[in-house]
Protein backbone atom coordinates (compact mmCIF):
# COMPACT_ATOMS: atom_id res chain seq x y z
CA UNK A 1 89.66 23.14 169.90
CA UNK A 2 88.36 25.71 172.40
CA UNK A 3 85.75 28.13 171.14
CA UNK A 4 87.27 30.92 169.09
CA UNK A 5 86.89 34.65 169.69
CA UNK A 6 86.50 37.26 166.97
CA UNK A 7 87.31 40.82 168.07
CA UNK A 8 86.13 43.72 165.93
CA UNK A 9 87.91 47.05 166.47
CA UNK A 10 85.38 49.84 165.89
CA UNK A 11 84.50 53.36 166.92
CA UNK A 12 81.08 54.78 167.69
CA UNK A 13 79.94 56.39 164.41
CA UNK A 14 79.75 60.17 164.77
CA UNK A 15 79.87 63.02 162.29
CA UNK A 16 83.36 64.48 162.13
CA UNK A 17 84.94 61.67 164.19
CA UNK A 18 87.21 59.20 162.42
CA UNK A 19 87.38 58.37 158.69
CA UNK A 20 89.07 61.73 158.12
CA UNK A 21 90.60 60.81 154.75
CA UNK A 22 87.27 59.52 153.49
CA UNK A 23 85.52 62.63 154.84
CA UNK A 24 87.90 64.87 152.90
CA UNK A 25 86.78 63.18 149.69
CA UNK A 26 83.04 62.62 150.24
CA UNK A 27 82.12 65.01 153.07
CA UNK A 28 81.74 64.47 156.81
CA UNK A 29 78.07 63.44 156.74
CA UNK A 30 78.55 60.94 153.92
CA UNK A 31 81.65 59.50 155.60
CA UNK A 32 79.63 59.02 158.80
CA UNK A 33 76.80 57.38 156.88
CA UNK A 34 79.14 55.04 155.05
CA UNK A 35 81.03 54.07 158.21
CA UNK A 36 77.79 53.43 160.09
CA UNK A 37 76.55 51.27 157.23
CA UNK A 38 79.80 49.31 156.93
CA UNK A 39 80.22 48.72 160.66
CA UNK A 40 76.60 47.68 161.14
CA UNK A 41 76.62 45.27 158.23
CA UNK A 42 79.92 43.73 159.29
CA UNK A 43 79.00 43.23 162.94
CA UNK A 44 75.60 41.77 162.13
CA UNK A 45 76.99 39.52 159.38
CA UNK A 46 79.75 38.15 161.59
CA UNK A 47 77.50 37.31 164.55
CA UNK A 48 77.91 33.54 164.27
CA UNK A 49 77.56 30.67 166.76
CA UNK A 50 80.95 29.27 165.72
CA UNK A 51 82.75 32.01 167.63
CA UNK A 52 82.26 34.60 170.35
CA UNK A 53 81.95 38.10 168.87
CA UNK A 54 83.32 41.07 170.82
CA UNK A 55 83.50 44.70 169.71
CA UNK A 56 86.46 46.64 171.12
CA UNK A 57 85.09 50.13 171.08
CA UNK A 58 86.63 53.60 170.75
CA UNK A 59 83.76 55.86 171.72
CA UNK A 60 81.19 56.42 174.39
CA UNK A 61 78.74 53.66 173.52
CA UNK A 62 77.83 51.10 170.84
CA UNK A 63 75.65 52.18 167.94
CA UNK A 64 72.05 50.88 168.35
CA UNK A 65 72.06 49.57 164.77
CA UNK A 66 74.76 47.07 165.74
CA UNK A 67 72.23 45.07 167.72
CA UNK A 68 72.90 43.26 170.97
CA UNK A 69 76.67 42.79 170.83
CA UNK A 70 79.21 42.49 173.64
CA UNK A 71 81.40 45.61 173.78
CA UNK A 72 84.64 46.41 175.57
CA UNK A 73 86.77 49.54 175.72
CA UNK A 74 89.87 49.54 173.51
CA UNK A 75 91.99 50.94 176.31
CA UNK A 76 95.03 53.18 176.05
CA UNK A 77 98.12 53.22 173.86
CA UNK A 78 98.85 52.99 170.16
CA UNK A 79 97.15 50.48 167.89
CA UNK A 80 99.75 47.82 168.59
CA UNK A 81 99.25 48.09 172.34
CA UNK A 82 95.46 47.96 171.93
CA UNK A 83 95.58 44.93 169.64
CA UNK A 84 98.05 43.15 171.90
CA UNK A 85 95.90 43.78 174.98
CA UNK A 86 92.81 42.46 173.19
CA UNK A 87 94.60 39.29 172.06
CA UNK A 88 96.04 38.64 175.52
CA UNK A 89 92.67 39.23 177.21
CA UNK A 90 90.86 36.63 175.09
CA UNK A 91 93.54 33.97 174.65
CA UNK A 92 91.41 31.17 176.06
CA UNK A 93 91.22 29.76 172.53
CA UNK A 94 92.13 30.98 169.05
CA UNK A 95 91.61 34.73 168.60
CA UNK A 96 91.19 36.91 165.53
CA UNK A 97 91.07 40.70 165.27
CA UNK A 98 89.66 42.73 162.40
CA UNK A 99 88.63 46.32 161.74
CA UNK A 100 85.46 47.68 160.17
CA UNK A 101 86.94 49.10 156.95
CA UNK A 102 86.94 45.92 154.85
CA UNK A 103 83.44 45.28 153.49
CA UNK A 104 84.31 41.95 151.83
CA UNK A 105 84.94 40.12 155.13
CA UNK A 106 82.50 37.20 155.40
CA UNK A 107 81.78 34.44 157.91
CA UNK A 108 83.38 31.96 155.51
CA UNK A 109 86.61 33.96 155.47
CA UNK A 110 86.63 34.18 159.28
CA UNK A 111 85.98 30.45 159.62
CA UNK A 112 88.83 29.77 157.19
CA UNK A 113 91.16 31.96 159.24
CA UNK A 114 90.37 30.12 162.46
CA UNK A 115 90.84 26.75 160.73
CA UNK A 116 94.25 27.93 159.53
CA UNK A 117 95.43 28.58 163.12
CA UNK A 118 95.40 24.85 163.81
CA UNK A 119 98.88 23.50 164.23
CA UNK A 120 100.07 26.72 165.84
CA UNK A 121 100.10 28.92 162.75
CA UNK A 122 99.60 32.69 162.77
CA UNK A 123 97.24 33.96 160.08
CA UNK A 124 97.36 37.32 158.27
CA UNK A 125 94.86 38.72 155.81
CA UNK A 126 96.75 41.33 153.75
CA UNK A 127 95.07 44.57 152.73
CA UNK A 128 95.72 46.34 149.43
CA UNK A 129 97.20 49.38 151.18
CA UNK A 130 100.05 47.47 152.82
CA UNK A 131 98.28 46.75 156.10
CA UNK A 132 96.14 43.78 157.06
CA UNK A 133 92.41 43.16 157.43
CA UNK A 134 92.79 40.21 159.83
CA UNK A 135 95.25 38.86 162.35
CA UNK A 136 94.42 35.46 163.86
CA UNK A 137 96.49 33.52 166.36
CA UNK A 138 96.20 30.17 168.13
CA UNK A 139 95.80 30.27 171.89
CA UNK A 140 99.48 29.94 172.85
CA UNK A 141 100.68 32.62 170.47
CA UNK A 142 97.83 34.99 171.37
CA UNK A 143 98.96 34.85 175.01
CA UNK A 144 102.50 36.00 174.24
CA UNK A 145 102.31 38.07 171.05
CA UNK A 146 104.34 41.31 171.03
CA UNK A 147 103.21 43.93 168.51
CA UNK A 148 105.55 46.73 169.53
CA UNK A 149 107.70 48.44 166.92
CA UNK A 150 105.23 48.11 164.04
CA UNK A 151 104.85 51.11 161.72
CA UNK A 152 101.08 51.47 161.70
CA UNK A 153 99.09 53.06 158.85
CA UNK A 154 102.01 52.74 156.47
CA UNK A 155 102.99 50.58 153.48
CA UNK A 156 105.32 48.69 155.86
CA UNK A 157 102.62 47.61 158.33
CA UNK A 158 102.15 44.11 156.93
CA UNK A 159 105.88 43.39 156.63
CA UNK A 160 106.51 44.70 160.15
CA UNK A 161 103.72 42.51 161.52
CA UNK A 162 105.10 39.43 159.79
CA UNK A 163 108.50 40.13 161.32
CA UNK A 164 106.98 40.62 164.78
CA UNK A 165 105.04 37.37 164.60
CA UNK A 166 107.79 35.14 163.24
CA UNK A 167 107.28 31.39 163.07
CA UNK A 168 104.77 29.44 161.01
CA UNK A 169 102.35 31.70 159.16
CA UNK A 170 99.49 31.50 156.67
CA UNK A 171 98.46 34.39 154.42
CA UNK A 172 94.89 34.76 153.24
CA UNK A 173 93.68 36.59 150.15
CA UNK A 174 94.28 40.30 149.84
CA UNK A 175 91.18 42.48 150.37
CA UNK A 176 90.45 46.18 149.98
CA UNK A 177 90.12 48.63 152.86
CA UNK A 178 87.88 51.67 152.40
CA UNK A 179 89.91 54.60 153.73
CA UNK A 180 89.54 57.21 150.96
CA UNK A 181 87.07 58.25 148.30
CA UNK A 182 89.32 56.61 145.71
CA UNK A 183 89.18 53.33 147.65
CA UNK A 184 85.38 53.55 147.70
CA UNK A 185 85.11 54.17 143.96
CA UNK A 186 87.51 51.32 143.17
CA UNK A 187 85.67 48.89 145.47
CA UNK A 188 82.26 49.79 144.00
CA UNK A 189 83.65 49.29 140.51
CA UNK A 190 84.91 45.85 141.52
CA UNK A 191 81.51 44.96 142.96
CA UNK A 192 79.75 46.00 139.76
CA UNK A 193 82.17 43.95 137.67
CA UNK A 194 81.61 40.91 139.87
CA UNK A 195 77.82 41.25 139.58
CA UNK A 196 78.01 41.58 135.80
CA UNK A 197 80.23 38.47 135.60
CA UNK A 198 77.68 36.55 137.66
CA UNK A 199 74.83 37.68 135.41
CA UNK A 200 76.73 36.69 132.25
CA UNK A 201 77.57 33.26 133.61
């Protein structure tokens, strides 16, 4: 199998830019701090020799805390057009795209997603809010995928994406996105519960 490519969709962290729902709940400065922390941790954690890591960037420049990572511009259009362009551009092997809002993404989960594309299967990682935290495609399907007509940022996003992909598909475990203060509180509570369970065992 040709070397895989993992594409991370991100924006340059800046106060008052992006994460507007989170900023309404925790304040603009705290939302910036949290996004910078999440994006940095994710990009550094997922730098792995098993795949090529590329950040598709909305913003003027990469954040220095991301380290030495290859960056490309996201380009124009809605999210579907941007994702489709990224998949087409790197379809020289299996390709996966993720965002920076899902803190529980790990190298093991990414490796599992790429393994699941063998045999021509599309792979979706559902998010709790009705979207997805990962879309992975084998080379042939990445070259031709059409993501038009999907209702983005809605409870129907995952179902629309499944319909657009068609064909053989694997679903991964559902993970939490951090888009609001409520999401953040719920995720932190889950993390504390998991740590306590580990201590007890």
